[in-house]
Each structure stands twice: as structure tokens, then as C-alpha cells.
Amino acid sequence: MMMGKGLTAAIIITALGSSLVFAAPDEAAKSSWWLNSHETVSKTIGNWSTGIDSFLSGEANTPEAYQEQESHVDIRFGSVLGDGDRASFFDFSAKLKLPNTQDRLRLVIESEPDTLAPESIQNESSQRESVVESALATSITAAVRYIEDDLGLDVDAGVRVDFPLDPFVRFRFKQGSETGQWRWWQNQEMFAYYSRGVGARYRLGLGYTLTPRVNYSTDLSVAWLDDEGLFYGRENLSLQHRLNDKSRLAYQLSFLQSGAHELEPDSYLYNVQYERLLYKNWLIGQVKPQFTHDADDDYHGEFSLTLSMVILLGPEYLQ
């Protein structure tokens, strides 16, 4: 547990240093230490990936394979402002692809929401008073993922880094197709945690591409948690608009429900997220104003503003 939290703290220190780009972009551009840091960490991720792949498969990776690998680390952090309060959050995920192991294995290390039902999350799941506190309190899972593309199946077997360690297994089946401007998808998931119980999830989605820059989508998902004896449901209506090669807007309306035997309304929310590439293809800024209406509060609207940054690390971001 302490090792996991120490690793998380080290990552967040790097992320916080990179955030100086927001405060003083001109000075950061003149001083290339943050660029060197990004390059060093990205190369390290590639070396880890090829080293583990060679160890497990017994085959050496070529320089070409190193450049083409898809191993990466995504870091996202920021603040949520609303009604005089301020909270911070930190999330990350790391996926190491192992091409020589029949191109079917991944090592996956990622932060995990406080709940096994993302359908119930209104804002950021890891909110704390500060980014560092959020990073130190974040639950981490480490798993080996087996992928069977022919069946649309992936299986995660790993542990949730906590005390005591919490082993888990997840099965996911994915189907979908695209015809002309229409596309559809559905996902089925079953999971079992040693200490958090078992559950299942189903998701169905439909999308339509109006133009190369504008597309609509709608999806609904239902999750069941055995320990809580509750169902959670969520319906999303979204519109994505790519403004140019560096900027895009996303509009979303969501309805959240829960219940022991039948789903009842909990809340609804709507937001607009503006996203822009700040540097090359690996530094992204996000701004998201949102209104949330809770049934417990007679659906009175509560405003929040989320400011966040995304840092993408890995060999593919060295170009």
C-alpha cells in the first residue's frame, strides 16, 4: 500500500511541475526542463514495456517495435469550483502493451473510482482538498489484461492495492459495428472483488456522424452491486464538435437513477467541456462548466466549474 502511494506521489510531483505551463507558457517554452522530463519519462515507459515483454516472451524487441508500441501513461488532475467550495482531483492510468506475447497481453495500472458503479458519479470521483491529498488517497489497481479480439473479450486479473490486498477479476464482452453514418455498441461486464463483492454491468450505445466534425451519441448503462443490493442506471445524450485540429467541444445531458428493485430518479446534470491541445499531442487543457440537479434538493441547480490538465506519456508521444 505504501509503495503504491509513494509511486502515486512521485507521479503527481511530475504532473504538478508540468502545470507551470499554464501559469507561464512563455517562460516554460524558454526553459526546456519540462520537455526533457516528458521525454525521459516517455522513454522509461517504453523501456519498461519492452523489458517486461522480452522477459515474459523470451524474445528481444527490435528498435522498430519500440517506436511502434502503444504503451502509455495518462495523467489527469485539476480542481472543481462551486458554491464557494474548492476540491481537487487526480486520476491516472498506465497500459503496457506486450506485443511478443501473441499481442494479447497488457499490464494495466490505474486509479479506480471510489464506487464500483460509475453510473452514480456526478463529478470527479477522487475529489479531495488538494491534488496531493487526492493522489495519496487514490485507490490503485494492478492487473494483467488478456485480450481476445475475435470474441470481443478482455479479462483482467489483478489486485486492488490496499491493506489487505484486494484481488479481483473482471470479464468484459464488447460488440459493435458501423454502417455509413451510424454506429452502435454494447458492452457486458462481470466483476468480483474479494472484499467489495460481485456485480455486473450492461451498456448500450448509438452514434450518428453528421459531418466529419460533428457527431451525436446516446448511451445507457445499468450496473448491479450485490453487496449493496442496488441497481444503478445512467443515460447520456452527447454532441461532440471538433472546432479545429487543436480544439473541440462536447455537450452532455445525463440522467442518473438507482433503486433496489426498480430504478428511481436521483439527479440529472448537463455540462459543456472545452478541450484544447496546448503542446503537440500530449498536453491538453480542459474546462467544464456544469449544472447538477439532485432529487434530494428538489432539483435545485448547483453550478460547478472543473479545470483540468491531461498529460500523455509514452513512446508514441515522442514525435
Protein backbone atom coordinates (compact mmCIF):
# COMPACT_ATOMS: atom_id res chain seq x y z
CA MET A 1 0.00 0.00 0.00
CA MET A 2 2.78 2.42 0.93
CA MET A 3 4.68 1.51 -2.25
CA GLY A 4 1.59 2.26 -4.33
CA LYS A 5 1.06 5.60 -2.61
CA GLY A 6 4.73 6.51 -2.97
CA LEU A 7 4.59 5.80 -6.71
CA THR A 8 1.46 7.90 -6.99
CA ALA A 9 3.08 10.79 -5.12
CA ALA A 10 6.10 10.66 -7.44
CA ILE A 11 3.88 10.84 -10.50
CA ILE A 12 1.86 13.75 -9.15
CA ILE A 13 5.01 15.76 -8.41
CA THR A 14 5.97 15.42 -12.06
CA ALA A 15 2.44 16.40 -13.09
CA LEU A 16 2.40 19.45 -10.85
CA GLY A 17 5.69 20.60 -12.27
CA SER A 18 4.30 20.38 -15.78
CA SER A 19 1.33 22.52 -14.73
CA LEU A 20 3.63 25.55 -14.78
CA VAL A 21 2.92 25.64 -18.50
CA PHE A 22 -0.49 27.09 -17.67
CA ALA A 23 0.91 29.78 -15.43
CA ALA A 24 3.80 30.97 -17.58
CA PRO A 25 3.85 29.43 -21.07
CA ASP A 26 6.46 31.85 -22.43
CA GLU A 27 8.92 31.13 -19.64
CA ALA A 28 8.25 27.39 -19.87
CA ALA A 29 8.91 27.49 -23.61
CA LYS A 30 12.31 29.08 -23.00
CA SER A 31 13.19 26.57 -20.31
CA SER A 32 13.03 23.06 -21.74
CA TRP A 33 13.28 21.15 -18.45
CA TRP A 34 9.65 20.10 -18.64
CA LEU A 35 10.15 18.90 -22.22
CA ASN A 36 13.19 16.91 -21.12
CA SER A 37 11.18 15.44 -18.24
CA HIS A 38 8.42 14.37 -20.61
CA GLU A 39 10.94 12.78 -22.99
CA THR A 40 12.74 10.97 -20.18
CA VAL A 41 9.57 9.54 -18.63
CA SER A 42 8.17 8.55 -22.05
CA LYS A 43 11.38 6.68 -22.91
CA THR A 44 11.35 5.00 -19.50
CA ILE A 45 7.81 3.75 -20.12
CA GLY A 46 8.97 2.31 -23.45
CA ASN A 47 11.98 0.64 -21.82
CA TRP A 48 9.83 -0.88 -19.07
CA SER A 49 7.37 -2.18 -21.64
CA THR A 50 9.99 -3.76 -23.91
CA GLY A 51 11.90 -5.15 -20.94
CA ILE A 52 8.86 -6.85 -19.43
CA ASP A 53 7.77 -8.08 -22.87
CA SER A 54 11.20 -9.61 -23.53
CA PHE A 55 11.26 -11.23 -20.08
CA LEU A 56 7.83 -12.84 -20.44
CA SER A 57 8.16 -13.89 -24.08
CA GLY A 58 11.87 -14.72 -24.27
CA GLU A 59 12.15 -12.69 -27.49
CA ALA A 60 14.08 -9.48 -27.99
CA ASN A 61 12.24 -6.37 -29.17
CA THR A 62 13.54 -4.58 -32.24
CA PRO A 63 14.02 -0.78 -32.40
CA GLU A 64 11.11 -0.65 -34.87
CA ALA A 65 8.84 -2.40 -32.39
CA TYR A 66 9.91 0.07 -29.70
CA GLN A 67 8.87 3.04 -31.83
CA GLU A 68 5.53 1.47 -32.78
CA GLN A 69 4.48 0.25 -29.36
CA GLU A 70 1.33 1.59 -27.78
CA SER A 71 2.32 1.58 -24.11
CA HIS A 72 1.37 4.81 -22.41
CA VAL A 73 0.55 6.60 -19.15
CA ASP A 74 -2.30 9.13 -18.93
CA ILE A 75 -2.36 11.62 -16.05
CA ARG A 76 -5.30 13.94 -15.36
CA PHE A 77 -5.58 16.38 -12.49
CA GLY A 78 -7.25 19.68 -11.63
CA SER A 79 -9.79 21.49 -9.48
CA VAL A 80 -13.56 21.62 -9.12
CA LEU A 81 -15.02 25.01 -8.09
CA GLY A 82 -18.59 25.55 -6.94
CA ASP A 83 -20.71 27.38 -4.33
CA GLY A 84 -17.66 28.84 -2.62
CA ASP A 85 -16.03 25.41 -2.25
CA ARG A 86 -12.97 24.06 -3.98
CA ALA A 87 -11.84 20.45 -4.37
CA SER A 88 -9.01 18.86 -6.32
CA PHE A 89 -8.66 15.50 -8.03
CA PHE A 90 -6.03 13.23 -9.53
CA ASP A 91 -6.50 10.24 -11.84
CA PHE A 92 -4.12 8.19 -13.93
CA SER A 93 -3.89 5.00 -15.95
CA ALA A 94 -0.94 3.06 -17.34
CA LYS A 95 -1.17 0.41 -20.03
CA LEU A 96 1.92 -1.53 -21.12
CA LYS A 97 1.44 -3.48 -24.34
CA LEU A 98 3.37 -6.74 -24.72
CA PRO A 99 3.42 -7.48 -28.49
CA ASN A 100 5.62 -10.60 -28.36
CA THR A 101 3.19 -12.38 -26.03
CA GLN A 102 0.93 -13.07 -29.04
CA ASP A 103 -0.10 -9.39 -28.89
CA ARG A 104 -2.85 -10.26 -26.39
CA LEU A 105 -1.47 -9.20 -23.01
CA ARG A 106 -1.42 -5.80 -21.31
CA LEU A 107 -0.22 -4.72 -17.91
CA VAL A 108 -2.76 -2.24 -16.56
CA ILE A 109 -2.17 0.01 -13.55
CA GLU A 110 -4.79 2.67 -12.91
CA SER A 111 -6.65 4.70 -10.35
CA GLU A 112 -10.10 3.40 -9.50
CA PRO A 113 -13.30 5.31 -8.61
CA ASP A 114 -14.47 5.16 -5.01
CA THR A 115 -17.55 3.30 -6.23
CA LEU A 116 -17.90 0.22 -8.42
CA ALA A 117 -20.85 1.96 -10.11
CA PRO A 118 -19.56 4.89 -12.25
CA GLU A 119 -23.22 5.40 -13.20
CA SER A 120 -23.67 7.19 -9.86
CA ILE A 121 -20.76 9.65 -10.26
CA GLN A 122 -21.85 13.26 -10.82
CA ASN A 123 -18.41 14.88 -10.92
CA GLU A 124 -14.87 13.70 -10.22
CA SER A 125 -14.72 10.55 -8.10
CA SER A 126 -11.36 11.28 -6.43
CA GLN A 127 -12.07 14.79 -5.08
CA ARG A 128 -10.08 15.87 -2.02
CA GLU A 129 -8.93 19.17 -0.55
CA SER A 130 -5.73 19.18 -2.61
CA VAL A 131 -4.28 17.36 -5.61
CA VAL A 132 -1.56 15.74 -3.48
CA GLU A 133 -4.14 14.53 -0.94
CA SER A 134 -6.24 13.13 -3.77
CA ALA A 135 -3.19 11.33 -5.20
CA LEU A 136 -2.25 9.82 -1.84
CA ALA A 137 -5.82 8.68 -1.17
CA THR A 138 -6.41 7.25 -4.65
CA SER A 139 -7.14 3.54 -4.89
CA ILE A 140 -4.82 1.79 -7.33
CA THR A 141 -5.41 -1.45 -9.21
CA ALA A 142 -2.72 -3.51 -10.94
CA ALA A 143 -3.82 -6.23 -13.35
CA VAL A 144 -2.81 -8.39 -16.28
CA ARG A 145 -5.30 -7.99 -19.12
CA TYR A 146 -5.85 -10.76 -21.65
CA ILE A 147 -7.49 -9.68 -24.91
CA GLU A 148 -9.32 -11.92 -27.38
CA ASP A 149 -10.33 -9.66 -30.27
CA ASP A 150 -12.19 -12.39 -32.15
CA LEU A 151 -14.65 -12.76 -29.29
CA GLY A 152 -14.68 -9.12 -28.20
CA LEU A 153 -13.46 -10.35 -24.81
CA ASP A 154 -10.93 -8.99 -22.35
CA VAL A 155 -10.18 -10.40 -18.92
CA ASP A 156 -8.48 -8.51 -16.06
CA ALA A 157 -6.96 -10.45 -13.16
CA GLY A 158 -5.15 -8.44 -10.52
CA VAL A 159 -5.23 -6.76 -7.13
CA ARG A 160 -6.51 -3.52 -5.67
CA VAL A 161 -3.52 -2.02 -3.84
CA ASP A 162 -4.91 -1.59 -0.35
CA PHE A 163 -4.40 -3.20 3.04
CA PRO A 164 -5.11 -6.02 2.95
CA LEU A 165 -4.63 -6.55 -0.79
CA ASP A 166 -7.92 -6.95 -2.62
CA PRO A 167 -7.71 -9.46 -5.52
CA PHE A 168 -10.26 -9.15 -8.31
CA VAL A 169 -11.22 -10.50 -11.70
CA ARG A 170 -13.24 -8.79 -14.46
CA PHE A 171 -14.73 -10.16 -17.67
CA ARG A 172 -15.79 -7.78 -20.44
CA PHE A 173 -17.50 -8.60 -23.74
CA LYS A 174 -17.72 -5.92 -26.42
CA GLN A 175 -19.69 -5.90 -29.66
CA GLY A 176 -20.45 -3.19 -32.19
CA SER A 177 -20.43 -2.19 -35.84
CA GLU A 178 -20.55 0.84 -38.12
CA THR A 179 -22.76 1.29 -41.17
CA GLY A 180 -22.48 4.51 -43.11
CA GLN A 181 -23.00 7.38 -40.68
CA TRP A 182 -24.44 5.15 -37.95
CA ARG A 183 -22.61 3.07 -35.35
CA TRP A 184 -23.71 1.04 -32.35
CA TRP A 185 -22.00 -0.76 -29.49
CA GLN A 186 -22.81 -2.81 -26.44
CA ASN A 187 -20.67 -3.96 -23.52
CA GLN A 188 -21.31 -6.62 -20.90
CA GLU A 189 -19.18 -6.81 -17.78
CA MET A 190 -18.96 -9.09 -14.75
CA PHE A 191 -16.60 -8.47 -11.85
CA ALA A 192 -15.74 -9.94 -8.47
CA TYR A 193 -13.65 -8.34 -5.70
CA TYR A 194 -12.56 -10.31 -2.63
CA SER A 195 -13.69 -7.58 -0.20
CA ARG A 196 -16.11 -5.49 -2.28
CA GLY A 197 -18.32 -8.25 -3.63
CA VAL A 198 -19.55 -9.11 -7.09
CA GLY A 199 -21.51 -7.18 -9.69
CA ALA A 200 -22.43 -6.82 -13.33
CA ARG A 201 -22.89 -4.04 -15.87
CA TYR A 202 -24.55 -3.65 -19.26
CA ARG A 203 -24.13 -0.72 -21.64
CA LEU A 204 -25.76 0.03 -25.00
CA GLY A 205 -24.92 2.96 -27.26
CA LEU A 206 -25.84 4.50 -30.61
CA GLY A 207 -23.97 7.17 -32.55
CA TYR A 208 -24.50 9.23 -35.70
CA THR A 209 -21.88 11.21 -37.63
CA LEU A 210 -23.48 14.34 -39.07
CA THR A 211 -20.28 15.77 -40.55
CA PRO A 212 -16.59 14.90 -40.15
CA ARG A 213 -16.52 17.46 -37.32
CA VAL A 214 -19.90 16.87 -35.64
CA ASN A 215 -21.37 13.66 -34.24
CA TYR A 216 -24.14 12.70 -31.85
CA SER A 217 -24.32 9.77 -29.46
CA THR A 218 -26.59 8.35 -26.81
CA ASP A 219 -25.93 5.51 -24.41
CA LEU A 220 -27.47 3.89 -21.38
CA SER A 221 -25.91 1.64 -18.77
CA VAL A 222 -27.16 -0.35 -15.81
CA ALA A 223 -24.98 -1.74 -13.02
CA TRP A 224 -25.87 -4.13 -10.21
CA LEU A 225 -23.85 -4.40 -6.97
CA ASP A 226 -24.64 -7.46 -4.90
CA ASP A 227 -23.22 -6.14 -1.60
CA GLU A 228 -25.37 -3.01 -1.77
CA GLY A 229 -28.38 -4.79 -3.21
CA LEU A 230 -28.86 -1.85 -5.58
CA PHE A 231 -29.14 -1.17 -9.30
CA TYR A 232 -27.63 2.00 -10.78
CA GLY A 233 -28.66 3.43 -14.13
CA ARG A 234 -27.40 6.26 -16.31
CA GLU A 235 -28.48 7.72 -19.64
CA ASN A 236 -26.26 10.11 -21.59
CA LEU A 237 -27.06 12.31 -24.57
CA SER A 238 -23.94 13.82 -26.14
CA LEU A 239 -22.85 16.02 -29.01
CA GLN A 240 -19.19 16.30 -29.97
CA HIS A 241 -17.97 19.17 -32.12
CA ARG A 242 -14.37 19.33 -33.33
CA LEU A 243 -13.66 23.02 -33.89
CA ASN A 244 -10.24 22.54 -35.48
CA ASP A 245 -7.18 20.31 -35.19
CA LYS A 246 -6.47 21.55 -31.67
CA SER A 247 -9.86 22.32 -30.10
CA ARG A 248 -13.16 20.57 -29.57
CA LEU A 249 -16.40 20.98 -27.63
CA ALA A 250 -18.59 18.32 -26.05
CA TYR A 251 -22.14 18.88 -24.79
CA GLN A 252 -23.72 16.31 -22.48
CA LEU A 253 -27.03 15.74 -20.70
CA SER A 254 -27.19 12.86 -18.19
CA PHE A 255 -29.94 11.25 -16.10
CA LEU A 256 -28.97 9.18 -13.04
CA GLN A 257 -31.17 6.63 -11.28
CA SER A 258 -30.85 3.96 -8.58
CA GLY A 259 -33.02 1.52 -6.65
CA ALA A 260 -33.23 -1.88 -5.00
CA HIS A 261 -35.97 -3.30 -7.21
CA GLU A 262 -36.71 -0.57 -9.75
CA LEU A 263 -34.78 2.50 -10.85
CA GLU A 264 -35.92 5.84 -9.44
CA PRO A 265 -34.59 9.30 -10.43
CA ASP A 266 -31.62 10.52 -8.39
CA SER A 267 -30.44 13.54 -10.37
CA TYR A 268 -29.79 14.96 -13.78
CA LEU A 269 -26.91 17.12 -14.98
CA TYR A 270 -25.71 18.92 -18.06
CA ASN A 271 -22.31 20.29 -18.96
CA VAL A 272 -20.13 21.66 -21.74
CA GLN A 273 -16.49 20.64 -21.96
CA TYR A 274 -13.93 22.63 -23.95
CA GLU A 275 -10.71 20.78 -24.69
CA ARG A 276 -7.59 22.13 -26.38
CA LEU A 277 -4.17 20.78 -27.24
CA LEU A 278 -1.67 23.06 -25.53
CA TYR A 279 1.53 21.44 -26.77
CA LYS A 280 2.00 18.90 -29.57
CA ASN A 281 -0.20 15.85 -28.98
CA TRP A 282 0.44 15.21 -25.28
CA LEU A 283 -0.51 18.27 -23.21
CA ILE A 284 -4.25 19.01 -23.06
CA GLY A 285 -6.26 21.62 -21.15
CA GLN A 286 -9.92 21.12 -20.24
CA VAL A 287 -12.64 23.47 -18.96
CA LYS A 288 -16.07 22.11 -17.97
CA PRO A 289 -18.93 24.19 -16.52
CA GLN A 290 -21.77 22.02 -15.18
CA PHE A 291 -25.20 22.27 -13.54
CA THR A 292 -26.35 19.39 -11.34
CA HIS A 293 -29.94 18.93 -10.11
CA ASP A 294 -30.46 16.47 -7.21
CA ALA A 295 -33.78 14.91 -6.30
CA ASP A 296 -32.88 15.27 -2.59
CA ASP A 297 -32.58 19.02 -3.13
CA ASP A 298 -35.88 19.34 -5.05
CA TYR A 299 -33.85 19.56 -8.25
CA HIS A 300 -32.42 22.99 -7.43
CA GLY A 301 -29.47 23.59 -9.72
CA GLU A 302 -25.92 23.57 -8.36
CA PHE A 303 -23.18 25.07 -10.53
CA SER A 304 -19.62 23.77 -10.69
CA LEU A 305 -16.58 24.51 -12.84
CA THR A 306 -13.93 21.87 -13.49
CA LEU A 307 -10.47 22.97 -14.64
CA SER A 308 -8.12 20.15 -15.54
CA MET A 309 -5.00 19.19 -17.41
CA VAL A 310 -4.13 15.93 -19.15
CA ILE A 311 -0.55 14.74 -19.70
CA LEU A 312 0.08 11.81 -22.05
CA LEU A 313 3.36 9.91 -21.68
CA GLY A 314 4.82 7.15 -23.83
CA PRO A 315 6.94 6.41 -26.94
CA GLU A 316 4.13 7.43 -29.30
CA TYR A 317 4.24 10.97 -27.87
CA LEU A 318 7.93 11.50 -28.61
CA GLN A 319 7.34 12.51 -32.23
